[in-house]
Amino acid sequence: MSLDPATVRRIAKLARIGLDDGEVARLQGELGGILGWIEQLSELDVEGVEPINGVGQAALRMREDVVTVSDNAEAVLSNAPDRAGAFYSVPKVVE
């Protein structure tokens, strides 16, 4: 799908994006490519596929709740940029 420069400028104005004249031609191609992908999606056969109204209906996969012993503090702290003993050391945020 091809967009004219006036449409590209209107989309940019609605998105509050400032465009130079040189950028309009580039964005014409990019937006045309995006709209082309959307047109390809309309060609998909979705017969029998139920629409998803949201992910709230999906059931979470549960795993067994098992207590494990984890003694890998040294491995966890090995990536810390600064540490104080067995703890992360971070800069003071509030004075």
N, C-alpha and C. Protein backbone atom coordinates (compact mmCIF):
# COMPACT_ATOMS: atom_id res chain seq x y z
N MET A 1 0.85 -1.18 0.00
CA MET A 1 0.00 0.00 0.00
C MET A 1 0.89 1.24 0.00
N SER A 2 0.51 2.20 -0.76
CA SER A 2 1.30 3.41 -0.90
C SER A 2 0.57 4.58 -0.25
N LEU A 3 1.31 5.38 0.47
CA LEU A 3 0.76 6.57 1.12
C LEU A 3 1.31 7.81 0.42
N ASP A 4 0.47 8.82 0.28
CA ASP A 4 0.95 10.06 -0.30
C ASP A 4 1.62 10.91 0.79
N PRO A 5 2.45 11.88 0.41
CA PRO A 5 3.16 12.70 1.40
C PRO A 5 2.23 13.44 2.36
N ALA A 6 1.06 13.84 1.90
CA ALA A 6 0.13 14.55 2.78
C ALA A 6 -0.36 13.64 3.90
N THR A 7 -0.60 12.38 3.59
CA THR A 7 -1.04 11.42 4.62
C THR A 7 0.08 11.17 5.61
N VAL A 8 1.30 11.05 5.14
CA VAL A 8 2.44 10.84 6.04
C VAL A 8 2.60 12.04 6.97
N ARG A 9 2.46 13.24 6.42
CA ARG A 9 2.56 14.44 7.27
C ARG A 9 1.43 14.48 8.31
N ARG A 10 0.22 14.07 7.91
CA ARG A 10 -0.91 14.06 8.85
C ARG A 10 -0.67 13.04 9.96
N ILE A 11 -0.17 11.86 9.62
CA ILE A 11 0.13 10.85 10.64
C ILE A 11 1.20 11.38 11.59
N ALA A 12 2.21 12.03 11.06
CA ALA A 12 3.27 12.60 11.89
C ALA A 12 2.72 13.69 12.80
N LYS A 13 1.81 14.49 12.28
CA LYS A 13 1.22 15.55 13.10
C LYS A 13 0.39 14.95 14.23
N LEU A 14 -0.40 13.91 13.93
CA LEU A 14 -1.21 13.26 14.95
C LEU A 14 -0.34 12.60 16.02
N ALA A 15 0.83 12.10 15.60
CA ALA A 15 1.77 11.47 16.54
C ALA A 15 2.68 12.50 17.19
N ARG A 16 2.53 13.76 16.81
CA ARG A 16 3.34 14.87 17.34
C ARG A 16 4.83 14.66 17.06
N ILE A 17 5.10 14.25 15.83
CA ILE A 17 6.47 14.02 15.37
C ILE A 17 6.80 15.10 14.34
N GLY A 18 7.87 15.82 14.56
CA GLY A 18 8.30 16.82 13.59
C GLY A 18 9.08 16.16 12.47
N LEU A 19 8.72 16.47 11.23
CA LEU A 19 9.38 15.86 10.07
C LEU A 19 9.99 16.93 9.18
N ASP A 20 11.17 16.63 8.65
CA ASP A 20 11.76 17.44 7.59
C ASP A 20 11.24 16.90 6.27
N ASP A 21 11.39 17.68 5.21
CA ASP A 21 10.92 17.23 3.89
C ASP A 21 11.64 15.97 3.45
N GLY A 22 12.90 15.82 3.82
CA GLY A 22 13.65 14.62 3.43
C GLY A 22 13.18 13.36 4.14
N GLU A 23 12.61 13.52 5.32
CA GLU A 23 12.16 12.36 6.08
C GLU A 23 10.82 11.82 5.60
N VAL A 24 10.04 12.67 4.92
CA VAL A 24 8.71 12.25 4.47
C VAL A 24 8.82 11.08 3.50
N ALA A 25 9.74 11.14 2.56
CA ALA A 25 9.90 10.07 1.56
C ALA A 25 10.32 8.77 2.23
N ARG A 26 11.23 8.86 3.21
CA ARG A 26 11.68 7.65 3.91
C ARG A 26 10.52 7.03 4.68
N LEU A 27 9.76 7.88 5.38
CA LEU A 27 8.64 7.35 6.15
C LEU A 27 7.52 6.82 5.27
N GLN A 28 7.39 7.36 4.06
CA GLN A 28 6.41 6.82 3.13
C GLN A 28 6.70 5.35 2.87
N GLY A 29 7.97 5.04 2.62
CA GLY A 29 8.35 3.65 2.36
C GLY A 29 8.17 2.77 3.58
N GLU A 30 8.55 3.27 4.76
CA GLU A 30 8.44 2.47 5.98
C GLU A 30 6.99 2.20 6.34
N LEU A 31 6.16 3.23 6.28
CA LEU A 31 4.74 3.03 6.60
C LEU A 31 4.06 2.15 5.56
N GLY A 32 4.46 2.29 4.30
CA GLY A 32 3.92 1.42 3.26
C GLY A 32 4.28 -0.04 3.51
N GLY A 33 5.50 -0.29 3.99
CA GLY A 33 5.90 -1.66 4.32
C GLY A 33 5.10 -2.23 5.48
N ILE A 34 4.85 -1.40 6.49
CA ILE A 34 4.04 -1.86 7.63
C ILE A 34 2.63 -2.19 7.19
N LEU A 35 2.05 -1.32 6.37
CA LEU A 35 0.70 -1.59 5.89
C LEU A 35 0.67 -2.81 4.97
N GLY A 36 1.76 -3.07 4.26
CA GLY A 36 1.85 -4.28 3.44
C GLY A 36 1.81 -5.54 4.30
N TRP A 37 2.51 -5.51 5.44
CA TRP A 37 2.47 -6.66 6.34
C TRP A 37 1.06 -6.87 6.88
N ILE A 38 0.36 -5.79 7.18
CA ILE A 38 -1.01 -5.91 7.68
C ILE A 38 -1.91 -6.51 6.61
N GLU A 39 -1.70 -6.12 5.35
CA GLU A 39 -2.48 -6.71 4.26
C GLU A 39 -2.21 -8.20 4.13
N GLN A 40 -0.96 -8.61 4.35
CA GLN A 40 -0.63 -10.04 4.30
C GLN A 40 -1.35 -10.80 5.40
N LEU A 41 -1.50 -10.19 6.57
CA LEU A 41 -2.20 -10.86 7.66
C LEU A 41 -3.67 -11.09 7.32
N SER A 42 -4.27 -10.20 6.53
CA SER A 42 -5.67 -10.36 6.17
C SER A 42 -5.87 -11.57 5.24
N GLU A 43 -4.81 -12.08 4.64
CA GLU A 43 -4.91 -13.24 3.76
C GLU A 43 -4.90 -14.57 4.52
N LEU A 44 -4.63 -14.53 5.82
CA LEU A 44 -4.57 -15.76 6.60
C LEU A 44 -5.96 -16.38 6.76
N ASP A 45 -5.99 -17.71 6.75
CA ASP A 45 -7.24 -18.43 6.97
C ASP A 45 -7.43 -18.61 8.48
N VAL A 46 -8.38 -17.90 9.05
CA VAL A 46 -8.62 -17.97 10.48
C VAL A 46 -9.97 -18.62 10.78
N GLU A 47 -10.46 -19.39 9.83
CA GLU A 47 -11.73 -20.08 10.00
C GLU A 47 -11.63 -21.07 11.16
N GLY A 48 -12.51 -20.96 12.11
CA GLY A 48 -12.53 -21.87 13.26
C GLY A 48 -11.62 -21.45 14.40
N VAL A 49 -10.89 -20.34 14.27
CA VAL A 49 -10.01 -19.87 15.33
C VAL A 49 -10.79 -18.87 16.18
N GLU A 50 -10.93 -19.17 17.45
CA GLU A 50 -11.66 -18.28 18.34
C GLU A 50 -10.83 -17.03 18.63
N PRO A 51 -11.45 -15.86 18.62
CA PRO A 51 -10.70 -14.64 18.95
C PRO A 51 -10.36 -14.61 20.44
N ILE A 52 -9.24 -13.97 20.74
CA ILE A 52 -8.80 -13.83 22.13
C ILE A 52 -9.22 -12.44 22.60
N ASN A 53 -9.99 -12.42 23.68
CA ASN A 53 -10.42 -11.13 24.23
C ASN A 53 -9.40 -10.58 25.21
N GLY A 54 -8.53 -11.41 25.70
CA GLY A 54 -7.52 -10.99 26.66
C GLY A 54 -6.82 -12.21 27.22
N VAL A 55 -5.71 -11.98 27.88
CA VAL A 55 -4.96 -13.10 28.42
C VAL A 55 -5.45 -13.49 29.81
N GLY A 56 -6.43 -12.77 30.34
CA GLY A 56 -6.96 -13.08 31.65
C GLY A 56 -7.67 -14.41 31.70
N GLN A 57 -8.09 -14.91 30.55
CA GLN A 57 -8.79 -16.18 30.49
C GLN A 57 -7.83 -17.37 30.47
N ALA A 58 -6.58 -17.12 30.19
CA ALA A 58 -5.61 -18.20 30.10
C ALA A 58 -5.24 -18.70 31.48
N ALA A 59 -5.10 -20.00 31.60
CA ALA A 59 -4.71 -20.61 32.87
C ALA A 59 -3.18 -20.64 32.96
N LEU A 60 -2.67 -20.30 34.11
CA LEU A 60 -1.23 -20.33 34.31
C LEU A 60 -0.75 -21.76 34.48
N ARG A 61 0.39 -22.04 33.91
CA ARG A 61 0.98 -23.36 34.10
C ARG A 61 1.62 -23.39 35.49
N MET A 62 1.25 -24.37 36.24
CA MET A 62 1.75 -24.48 37.60
C MET A 62 2.89 -25.49 37.65
N ARG A 63 3.81 -25.27 38.57
CA ARG A 63 4.87 -26.23 38.79
C ARG A 63 4.80 -26.66 40.24
N GLU A 64 5.41 -27.76 40.52
CA GLU A 64 5.39 -28.28 41.87
C GLU A 64 6.16 -27.34 42.80
N ASP A 65 5.59 -27.06 43.94
CA ASP A 65 6.21 -26.17 44.93
C ASP A 65 7.12 -27.02 45.81
N VAL A 66 8.41 -26.96 45.54
CA VAL A 66 9.38 -27.79 46.24
C VAL A 66 10.40 -26.88 46.91
N VAL A 67 10.69 -27.16 48.17
CA VAL A 67 11.71 -26.42 48.89
C VAL A 67 13.08 -26.95 48.47
N THR A 68 13.96 -26.05 48.09
CA THR A 68 15.32 -26.45 47.71
C THR A 68 16.32 -25.64 48.52
N VAL A 69 17.47 -26.20 48.72
CA VAL A 69 18.54 -25.50 49.41
C VAL A 69 19.39 -24.81 48.36
N SER A 70 19.53 -23.52 48.52
CA SER A 70 20.29 -22.75 47.54
C SER A 70 21.43 -22.05 48.26
N ASP A 71 22.63 -22.57 48.04
CA ASP A 71 23.79 -21.98 48.67
C ASP A 71 24.73 -21.46 47.58
N ASN A 72 24.19 -20.54 46.76
CA ASN A 72 25.00 -20.02 45.67
C ASN A 72 25.15 -18.50 45.77
N ALA A 73 25.28 -17.97 46.98
CA ALA A 73 25.42 -16.53 47.17
C ALA A 73 26.65 -16.00 46.44
N GLU A 74 27.71 -16.75 46.45
CA GLU A 74 28.93 -16.30 45.79
C GLU A 74 28.73 -16.20 44.28
N ALA A 75 28.01 -17.15 43.70
CA ALA A 75 27.74 -17.10 42.27
C ALA A 75 26.84 -15.91 41.92
N VAL A 76 25.85 -15.63 42.77
CA VAL A 76 24.96 -14.51 42.53
C VAL A 76 25.70 -13.19 42.65
N LEU A 77 26.54 -13.06 43.66
CA LEU A 77 27.27 -11.82 43.88
C LEU A 77 28.46 -11.64 42.97
N SER A 78 28.80 -12.65 42.20
CA SER A 78 29.98 -12.54 41.32
C SER A 78 29.76 -11.49 40.23
N ASN A 79 28.52 -11.18 39.89
CA ASN A 79 28.24 -10.18 38.85
C ASN A 79 27.98 -8.80 39.43
N ALA A 80 28.02 -8.65 40.72
CA ALA A 80 27.75 -7.35 41.35
C ALA A 80 28.89 -6.39 41.07
N PRO A 81 28.58 -5.14 40.68
CA PRO A 81 29.64 -4.18 40.43
C PRO A 81 30.36 -3.77 41.71
N ASP A 82 29.66 -3.79 42.83
CA ASP A 82 30.26 -3.44 44.11
C ASP A 82 29.52 -4.24 45.18
N ARG A 83 30.26 -4.74 46.13
CA ARG A 83 29.63 -5.53 47.18
C ARG A 83 30.27 -5.24 48.52
N ALA A 84 29.49 -5.49 49.56
CA ALA A 84 29.96 -5.33 50.93
C ALA A 84 29.70 -6.65 51.65
N GLY A 85 30.72 -7.48 51.70
CA GLY A 85 30.55 -8.80 52.32
C GLY A 85 29.67 -9.67 51.45
N ALA A 86 28.55 -10.15 52.02
CA ALA A 86 27.63 -11.02 51.29
C ALA A 86 26.43 -10.24 50.78
N PHE A 87 26.60 -8.92 50.56
CA PHE A 87 25.49 -8.08 50.13
C PHE A 87 25.90 -7.21 48.94
N TYR A 88 24.89 -6.78 48.15
CA TYR A 88 25.13 -5.80 47.11
C TYR A 88 25.37 -4.45 47.77
N SER A 89 26.26 -3.68 47.23
CA SER A 89 26.50 -2.33 47.69
C SER A 89 26.03 -1.38 46.61
N VAL A 90 25.08 -0.50 46.96
CA VAL A 90 24.52 0.43 45.98
C VAL A 90 24.74 1.85 46.45
N PRO A 91 24.79 2.81 45.54
CA PRO A 91 24.98 4.20 45.96
C PRO A 91 23.76 4.72 46.70
N LYS A 92 24.03 5.66 47.58
CA LYS A 92 22.96 6.28 48.35
C LYS A 92 22.09 7.10 47.42
N VAL A 93 20.76 6.92 47.54
CA VAL A 93 19.84 7.60 46.63
C VAL A 93 19.25 8.84 47.31
N VAL A 94 18.89 8.72 48.58
CA VAL A 94 18.29 9.83 49.31
C VAL A 94 19.28 10.33 50.34
N GLU A 95 19.46 11.62 50.38
CA GLU A 95 20.39 12.18 51.36
C GLU A 95 19.66 12.66 52.58
